[in-house]
PDB file of all heavy atoms in Angstrom:
ATOM      1  N   PHE A   1       0.841  -1.199  -0.012  1.00  0.00           N
ATOM      2  CA  PHE A   1       0.000  -0.009   0.001  1.00  0.00           C
ATOM      3  C   PHE A   1       0.868   1.250  -0.001  1.00  0.00           C
ATOM      4  O   PHE A   1       0.630   2.219  -0.730  1.00  0.00           O
ATOM      5  CB  PHE A   1      -0.906  -0.018   1.227  1.00  0.00           C
ATOM      6  CG  PHE A   1      -1.524   1.318   1.567  1.00  0.00           C
ATOM      7  CD1 PHE A   1      -2.603   1.776   0.861  1.00  0.00           C
ATOM      8  CD2 PHE A   1      -0.998   2.093   2.586  1.00  0.00           C
ATOM      9  CE1 PHE A   1      -3.161   3.027   1.187  1.00  0.00           C
ATOM     10  CE2 PHE A   1      -1.547   3.327   2.892  1.00  0.00           C
ATOM     11  CZ  PHE A   1      -2.633   3.786   2.189  1.00  0.00           C
ATOM     12  N   ILE A   2       1.925   1.237   0.820  1.00  0.00           N
ATOM     13  CA  ILE A   2       2.814   2.388   0.908  1.00  0.00           C
ATOM     14  C   ILE A   2       3.584   2.566  -0.405  1.00  0.00           C
ATOM     15  O   ILE A   2       3.814   3.662  -0.872  1.00  0.00           O
ATOM     16  CB  ILE A   2       3.780   2.220   2.093  1.00  0.00           C
ATOM     17  CG1 ILE A   2       2.988   2.325   3.392  1.00  0.00           C
ATOM     18  CG2 ILE A   2       4.879   3.264   2.072  1.00  0.00           C
ATOM     19  CD1 ILE A   2       3.780   1.955   4.619  1.00  0.00           C
ATOM     20  N   TRP A   3       3.977   1.428  -1.019  1.00  0.00           N
ATOM     21  CA  TRP A   3       4.672   1.504  -2.321  1.00  0.00           C
ATOM     22  C   TRP A   3       3.773   2.163  -3.364  1.00  0.00           C
ATOM     23  O   TRP A   3       4.214   3.015  -4.123  1.00  0.00           O
ATOM     24  CB  TRP A   3       5.055   0.099  -2.752  1.00  0.00           C
ATOM     25  CG  TRP A   3       5.701   0.071  -4.120  1.00  0.00           C
ATOM     26  CD1 TRP A   3       6.990   0.383  -4.427  1.00  0.00           C
ATOM     27  CD2 TRP A   3       5.070  -0.313  -5.345  1.00  0.00           C
ATOM     28  NE1 TRP A   3       7.207   0.213  -5.775  1.00  0.00           N
ATOM     29  CE2 TRP A   3       6.058  -0.209  -6.353  1.00  0.00           C
ATOM     30  CE3 TRP A   3       3.799  -0.740  -5.686  1.00  0.00           C
ATOM     31  CZ2 TRP A   3       5.765  -0.503  -7.682  1.00  0.00           C
ATOM     32  CZ3 TRP A   3       3.520  -1.035  -7.004  1.00  0.00           C
ATOM     33  CH2 TRP A   3       4.504  -0.903  -7.989  1.00  0.00           C
ATOM     34  N   CYS A   4       2.508   1.785  -3.367  1.00  0.00           N
ATOM     35  CA  CYS A   4       1.553   2.410  -4.319  1.00  0.00           C
ATOM     36  C   CYS A   4       1.442   3.899  -4.019  1.00  0.00           C
ATOM     37  O   CYS A   4       1.394   4.719  -4.934  1.00  0.00           O
ATOM     38  CB  CYS A   4       0.201   1.737  -4.216  1.00  0.00           C
ATOM     39  SG  CYS A   4       0.160   0.025  -4.821  1.00  0.00           S
ATOM     40  N   GLY A   5       1.386   4.226  -2.723  1.00  0.00           N
ATOM     41  CA  GLY A   5       1.276   5.627  -2.353  1.00  0.00           C
ATOM     42  C   GLY A   5       2.521   6.403  -2.748  1.00  0.00           C
ATOM     43  O   GLY A   5       2.428   7.557  -3.179  1.00  0.00           O
ATOM     44  N   ARG A   6       3.675   5.763  -2.641  1.00  0.00           N
ATOM     45  CA  ARG A   6       4.929   6.412  -3.037  1.00  0.00           C
ATOM     46  C   ARG A   6       4.931   6.691  -4.526  1.00  0.00           C
ATOM     47  O   ARG A   6       5.362   7.748  -4.976  1.00  0.00           O
ATOM     48  CB  ARG A   6       6.094   5.498  -2.677  1.00  0.00           C
ATOM     49  CG  ARG A   6       7.453   6.108  -3.004  1.00  0.00           C
ATOM     50  CD  ARG A   6       8.573   5.107  -2.731  1.00  0.00           C
ATOM     51  NE  ARG A   6       8.446   3.934  -3.574  1.00  0.00           N
ATOM     52  CZ  ARG A   6       9.429   3.057  -3.731  1.00  0.00           C
ATOM     53  NH1 ARG A   6      10.571   3.216  -3.091  1.00  0.00           N
ATOM     54  NH2 ARG A   6       9.281   1.997  -4.505  1.00  0.00           N
ATOM     55  N   ARG A   7       4.416   5.743  -5.319  1.00  0.00           N
ATOM     56  CA  ARG A   7       4.384   5.940  -6.780  1.00  0.00           C
ATOM     57  C   ARG A   7       3.440   7.071  -7.144  1.00  0.00           C
ATOM     58  O   ARG A   7       3.655   7.790  -8.118  1.00  0.00           O
ATOM     59  CB  ARG A   7       3.922   4.634  -7.444  1.00  0.00           C
ATOM     60  CG  ARG A   7       4.918   3.490  -7.304  1.00  0.00           C
ATOM     61  CD  ARG A   7       6.157   3.754  -8.146  1.00  0.00           C
ATOM     62  NE  ARG A   7       5.846   3.784  -9.555  1.00  0.00           N
ATOM     63  CZ  ARG A   7       5.856   2.718 -10.354  1.00  0.00           C
ATOM     64  NH1 ARG A   7       6.189   1.526  -9.859  1.00  0.00           N
ATOM     65  NH2 ARG A   7       5.573   2.823 -11.640  1.00  0.00           N
ATOM     66  N   ALA A   8       2.366   7.219  -6.363  1.00  0.00           N
ATOM     67  CA  ALA A   8       1.377   8.245  -6.686  1.00  0.00           C
ATOM     68  C   ALA A   8       1.644   9.575  -6.032  1.00  0.00           C
ATOM     69  O   ALA A   8       0.992  10.563  -6.333  1.00  0.00           O
ATOM     70  CB  ALA A   8      -0.032   7.756  -6.258  1.00  0.00           C
ATOM     71  N   ARG A   9       2.638   9.612  -5.164  1.00  0.00           N
ATOM     72  CA  ARG A   9       2.859  10.821  -4.372  1.00  0.00           C
ATOM     73  C   ARG A   9       3.164  12.032  -5.240  1.00  0.00           C
ATOM     74  O   ARG A   9       2.697  13.142  -4.952  1.00  0.00           O
ATOM     75  CB  ARG A   9       4.023  10.580  -3.409  1.00  0.00           C
ATOM     76  CG  ARG A   9       4.281  11.722  -2.457  1.00  0.00           C
ATOM     77  CD  ARG A   9       5.436  11.400  -1.530  1.00  0.00           C
ATOM     78  NE  ARG A   9       5.694  12.486  -0.631  1.00  0.00           N
ATOM     79  CZ  ARG A   9       6.729  12.524   0.187  1.00  0.00           C
ATOM     80  NH1 ARG A   9       7.583  11.526   0.198  1.00  0.00           N
ATOM     81  NH2 ARG A   9       6.905  13.536   0.985  1.00  0.00           N
ATOM     82  N   SER A  10       3.912  11.852  -6.317  1.00  0.00           N
ATOM     83  CA  SER A  10       4.288  12.975  -7.168  1.00  0.00           C
ATOM     84  C   SER A  10       3.092  13.577  -7.878  1.00  0.00           C
ATOM     85  O   SER A  10       3.156  14.706  -8.356  1.00  0.00           O
ATOM     86  CB  SER A  10       5.324  12.531  -8.198  1.00  0.00           C
ATOM     87  OG  SER A  10       4.786  11.492  -9.016  1.00  0.00           O
ATOM     88  N   ARG A  11       1.978  12.836  -7.924  1.00  0.00           N
ATOM     89  CA  ARG A  11       0.810  13.313  -8.635  1.00  0.00           C
ATOM     90  C   ARG A  11      -0.162  14.013  -7.684  1.00  0.00           C
ATOM     91  O   ARG A  11      -1.171  14.544  -8.134  1.00  0.00           O
ATOM     92  CB  ARG A  11       0.086  12.161  -9.322  1.00  0.00           C
ATOM     93  CG  ARG A  11       0.960  11.388 -10.290  1.00  0.00           C
ATOM     94  CD  ARG A  11       0.227  10.207 -10.879  1.00  0.00           C
ATOM     95  NE  ARG A  11       1.122   9.417 -11.720  1.00  0.00           N
ATOM     96  CZ  ARG A  11       0.773   8.285 -12.299  1.00  0.00           C
ATOM     97  NH1 ARG A  11      -0.455   7.800 -12.143  1.00  0.00           N
ATOM     98  NH2 ARG A  11       1.623   7.609 -13.060  1.00  0.00           N
ATOM     99  N   LEU A  12       0.132  14.010  -6.391  1.00  0.00           N
ATOM    100  CA  LEU A  12      -0.758  14.618  -5.415  1.00  0.00           C
ATOM    101  C   LEU A  12      -0.266  16.006  -5.059  1.00  0.00           C
ATOM    102  O   LEU A  12       0.897  16.321  -5.169  1.00  0.00           O
ATOM    103  CB  LEU A  12      -0.816  13.757  -4.145  1.00  0.00           C
ATOM    104  CG  LEU A  12      -1.380  12.347  -4.305  1.00  0.00           C
ATOM    105  CD1 LEU A  12      -1.267  11.612  -2.975  1.00  0.00           C
ATOM    106  CD2 LEU A  12      -2.825  12.376  -4.766  1.00  0.00           C
ATOM    107  N   SER A  13      -1.189  16.802  -4.569  1.00  0.00           N
ATOM    108  CA  SER A  13      -0.811  18.151  -4.113  1.00  0.00           C
ATOM    109  C   SER A  13      -0.100  18.032  -2.777  1.00  0.00           C
ATOM    110  O   SER A  13      -0.196  17.010  -2.097  1.00  0.00           O
ATOM    111  CB  SER A  13      -2.088  18.992  -3.953  1.00  0.00           C
ATOM    112  OG  SER A  13      -2.889  18.464  -2.901  1.00  0.00           O
ATOM    113  N   PRO A  14       0.652  19.081  -2.367  1.00  0.00           N
ATOM    114  CA  PRO A  14       1.374  19.016  -1.087  1.00  0.00           C
ATOM    115  C   PRO A  14       0.446  18.726   0.104  1.00  0.00           C
ATOM    116  O   PRO A  14       0.876  18.150   1.086  1.00  0.00           O
ATOM    117  CB  PRO A  14       1.983  20.421  -0.978  1.00  0.00           C
ATOM    118  CG  PRO A  14       2.132  20.880  -2.380  1.00  0.00           C
ATOM    119  CD  PRO A  14       0.946  20.310  -3.116  1.00  0.00           C
ATOM    120  N   ALA A  15      -0.823  19.132  -0.001  1.00  0.00           N
ATOM    121  CA  ALA A  15      -1.755  18.925   1.110  1.00  0.00           C
ATOM    122  C   ALA A  15      -1.993  17.459   1.402  1.00  0.00           C
ATOM    123  O   ALA A  15      -2.270  17.086   2.542  1.00  0.00           O
ATOM    124  CB  ALA A  15      -3.097  19.604   0.804  1.00  0.00           C
ATOM    125  N   HIS A  16      -1.871  16.603   0.390  1.00  0.00           N
ATOM    126  CA  HIS A  16      -2.121  15.173   0.563  1.00  0.00           C
ATOM    127  C   HIS A  16      -0.882  14.441   1.066  1.00  0.00           C
ATOM    128  O   HIS A  16      -0.955  13.260   1.379  1.00  0.00           O
ATOM    129  CB  HIS A  16      -2.558  14.555  -0.762  1.00  0.00           C
ATOM    130  CG  HIS A  16      -3.913  15.007  -1.203  1.00  0.00           C
ATOM    131  ND1 HIS A  16      -4.087  16.168  -1.928  1.00  0.00           N
ATOM    132  CD2 HIS A  16      -5.125  14.473  -1.036  1.00  0.00           C
ATOM    133  CE1 HIS A  16      -5.362  16.319  -2.187  1.00  0.00           C
ATOM    134  NE2 HIS A  16      -6.033  15.320  -1.664  1.00  0.00           N
ATOM    135  N   CYS A  17       0.252  15.128   1.122  1.00  0.00           N
ATOM    136  CA  CYS A  17       1.511  14.460   1.471  1.00  0.00           C
ATOM    137  C   CYS A  17       2.005  14.821   2.850  1.00  0.00           C
ATOM    138  O   CYS A  17       3.165  14.655   3.171  1.00  0.00           O
ATOM    139  CB  CYS A  17       2.573  14.815   0.436  1.00  0.00           C
ATOM    140  SG  CYS A  17       2.154  14.284  -1.228  1.00  0.00           S
ATOM    141  N   GLY A  18       1.116  15.371   3.701  1.00  0.00           N
ATOM    142  CA  GLY A  18       1.509  15.713   5.054  1.00  0.00           C
ATOM    143  C   GLY A  18       2.238  17.017   5.171  1.00  0.00           C
ATOM    144  O   GLY A  18       2.848  17.320   6.187  1.00  0.00           O
ATOM    145  N   GLN A  19       2.200  17.851   4.103  1.00  0.00           N
ATOM    146  CA  GLN A  19       2.846  19.139   4.157  1.00  0.00           C
ATOM    147  C   GLN A  19       1.856  20.187   4.610  1.00  0.00           C
ATOM    148  O   GLN A  19       0.687  19.903   4.831  1.00  0.00           O
ATOM    149  CB  GLN A  19       3.450  19.469   2.773  1.00  0.00           C
ATOM    150  CG  GLN A  19       4.470  18.428   2.335  1.00  0.00           C
ATOM    151  CD  GLN A  19       5.012  18.729   0.953  1.00  0.00           C
ATOM    152  OE1 GLN A  19       4.975  19.855   0.506  1.00  0.00           O
ATOM    153  NE2 GLN A  19       5.525  17.717   0.310  1.00  0.00           N
ATOM    154  N   SER A  20       2.301  21.412   4.752  1.00  0.00           N
ATOM    155  CA  SER A  20       1.458  22.447   5.337  1.00  0.00           C
ATOM    156  C   SER A  20       0.289  22.774   4.423  1.00  0.00           C
ATOM    157  O   SER A  20       0.370  22.701   3.206  1.00  0.00           O
ATOM    158  CB  SER A  20       2.297  23.717   5.563  1.00  0.00           C
ATOM    159  OG  SER A  20       2.815  24.175   4.327  1.00  0.00           O
ATOM    160  N   GLY A  21      -0.820  23.187   5.088  1.00  0.00           N
ATOM    161  CA  GLY A  21      -2.003  23.595   4.344  1.00  0.00           C
ATOM    162  C   GLY A  21      -2.898  22.418   4.020  1.00  0.00           C
ATOM    163  O   GLY A  21      -2.583  21.260   4.245  1.00  0.00           O
ATOM    164  N   GLY A  22      -4.072  22.711   3.434  1.00  0.00           N
ATOM    165  CA  GLY A  22      -5.005  21.691   2.953  1.00  0.00           C
ATOM    166  C   GLY A  22      -5.442  20.751   4.042  1.00  0.00           C
ATOM    167  O   GLY A  22      -5.800  21.156   5.155  1.00  0.00           O
ATOM    168  N   LEU A  23      -5.368  19.433   3.739  1.00  0.00           N
ATOM    169  CA  LEU A  23      -5.829  18.422   4.676  1.00  0.00           C
ATOM    170  C   LEU A  23      -5.052  18.448   5.983  1.00  0.00           C
ATOM    171  O   LEU A  23      -5.590  18.198   7.045  1.00  0.00           O
ATOM    172  CB  LEU A  23      -5.712  17.029   4.032  1.00  0.00           C
ATOM    173  CG  LEU A  23      -6.648  16.741   2.854  1.00  0.00           C
ATOM    174  CD1 LEU A  23      -6.326  15.371   2.290  1.00  0.00           C
ATOM    175  CD2 LEU A  23      -8.089  16.812   3.285  1.00  0.00           C
ATOM    176  N   ALA A  24      -3.736  18.747   5.882  1.00  0.00           N
ATOM    177  CA  ALA A  24      -2.912  18.728   7.086  1.00  0.00           C
ATOM    178  C   ALA A  24      -3.358  19.735   8.100  1.00  0.00           C
ATOM    179  O   ALA A  24      -3.130  19.579   9.286  1.00  0.00           O
ATOM    180  CB  ALA A  24      -1.450  18.948   6.700  1.00  0.00           C
ATOM    181  N   SER A  25      -4.026  20.826   7.667  1.00  0.00           N
ATOM    182  CA  SER A  25      -4.428  21.874   8.588  1.00  0.00           C
ATOM    183  C   SER A  25      -5.390  21.387   9.628  1.00  0.00           C
ATOM    184  O   SER A  25      -5.404  21.850  10.756  1.00  0.00           O
ATOM    185  CB  SER A  25      -5.026  23.049   7.819  1.00  0.00           C
ATOM    186  OG  SER A  25      -6.184  22.625   7.115  1.00  0.00           O
ATOM    187  N   TRP A  26      -6.281  20.414   9.267  1.00  0.00           N
ATOM    188  CA  TRP A  26      -7.202  19.873  10.274  1.00  0.00           C
ATOM    189  C   TRP A  26      -6.781  18.520  10.792  1.00  0.00           C
ATOM    190  O   TRP A  26      -7.073  18.146  11.921  1.00  0.00           O
ATOM    191  CB  TRP A  26      -8.619  19.783   9.717  1.00  0.00           C
ATOM    192  CG  TRP A  26      -8.784  18.890   8.525  1.00  0.00           C
ATOM    193  CD1 TRP A  26      -8.783  19.235   7.212  1.00  0.00           C
ATOM    194  CD2 TRP A  26      -8.977  17.466   8.542  1.00  0.00           C
ATOM    195  NE1 TRP A  26      -8.929  18.145   6.404  1.00  0.00           N
ATOM    196  CE2 TRP A  26      -9.072  17.036   7.190  1.00  0.00           C
ATOM    197  CE3 TRP A  26      -9.069  16.518   9.554  1.00  0.00           C
ATOM    198  CZ2 TRP A  26      -9.246  15.704   6.841  1.00  0.00           C
ATOM    199  CZ3 TRP A  26      -9.243  15.185   9.210  1.00  0.00           C
ATOM    200  CH2 TRP A  26      -9.343  14.799   7.861  1.00  0.00           C
ATOM    201  N   SER A  27      -6.029  17.733   9.972  1.00  0.00           N
ATOM    202  CA  SER A  27      -5.614  16.415  10.469  1.00  0.00           C
ATOM    203  C   SER A  27      -4.556  16.508  11.550  1.00  0.00           C
ATOM    204  O   SER A  27      -4.523  15.680  12.453  1.00  0.00           O
ATOM    205  CB  SER A  27      -5.075  15.556   9.294  1.00  0.00           C
ATOM    206  OG  SER A  27      -3.956  16.165   8.722  1.00  0.00           O
ATOM    207  N   ASP A  28      -3.677  17.530  11.492  1.00  0.00           N
ATOM    208  CA  ASP A  28      -2.693  17.720  12.552  1.00  0.00           C
ATOM    209  C   ASP A  28      -3.380  17.957  13.892  1.00  0.00           C
ATOM    210  O   ASP A  28      -2.958  17.453  14.929  1.00  0.00           O
ATOM    211  CB  ASP A  28      -1.781  18.904  12.244  1.00  0.00           C
ATOM    212  CG  ASP A  28      -0.715  18.544  11.214  1.00  0.00           C
ATOM    213  OD1 ASP A  28      -0.579  17.345  10.912  1.00  0.00           O
ATOM    214  OD2 ASP A  28      -0.012  19.445  10.740  1.00  0.00           O
ATOM    215  N   ALA A  29      -4.456  18.773  13.867  1.00  0.00           N
ATOM    216  CA  ALA A  29      -5.184  19.035  15.103  1.00  0.00           C
ATOM    217  C   ALA A  29      -5.819  17.773  15.656  1.00  0.00           C
ATOM    218  O   ALA A  29      -5.961  17.631  16.880  1.00  0.00           O
ATOM    219  CB  ALA A  29      -6.257  20.083  14.833  1.00  0.00           C
TER     220      ALA A  29
END
């Protein structure tokens, strides 16, 4: 599962990769 996520990571926005903004803004809390 992680390997698949690694392959798809470059196609996702920074918010989906645990970086600042987007989803991370509420998931960190």
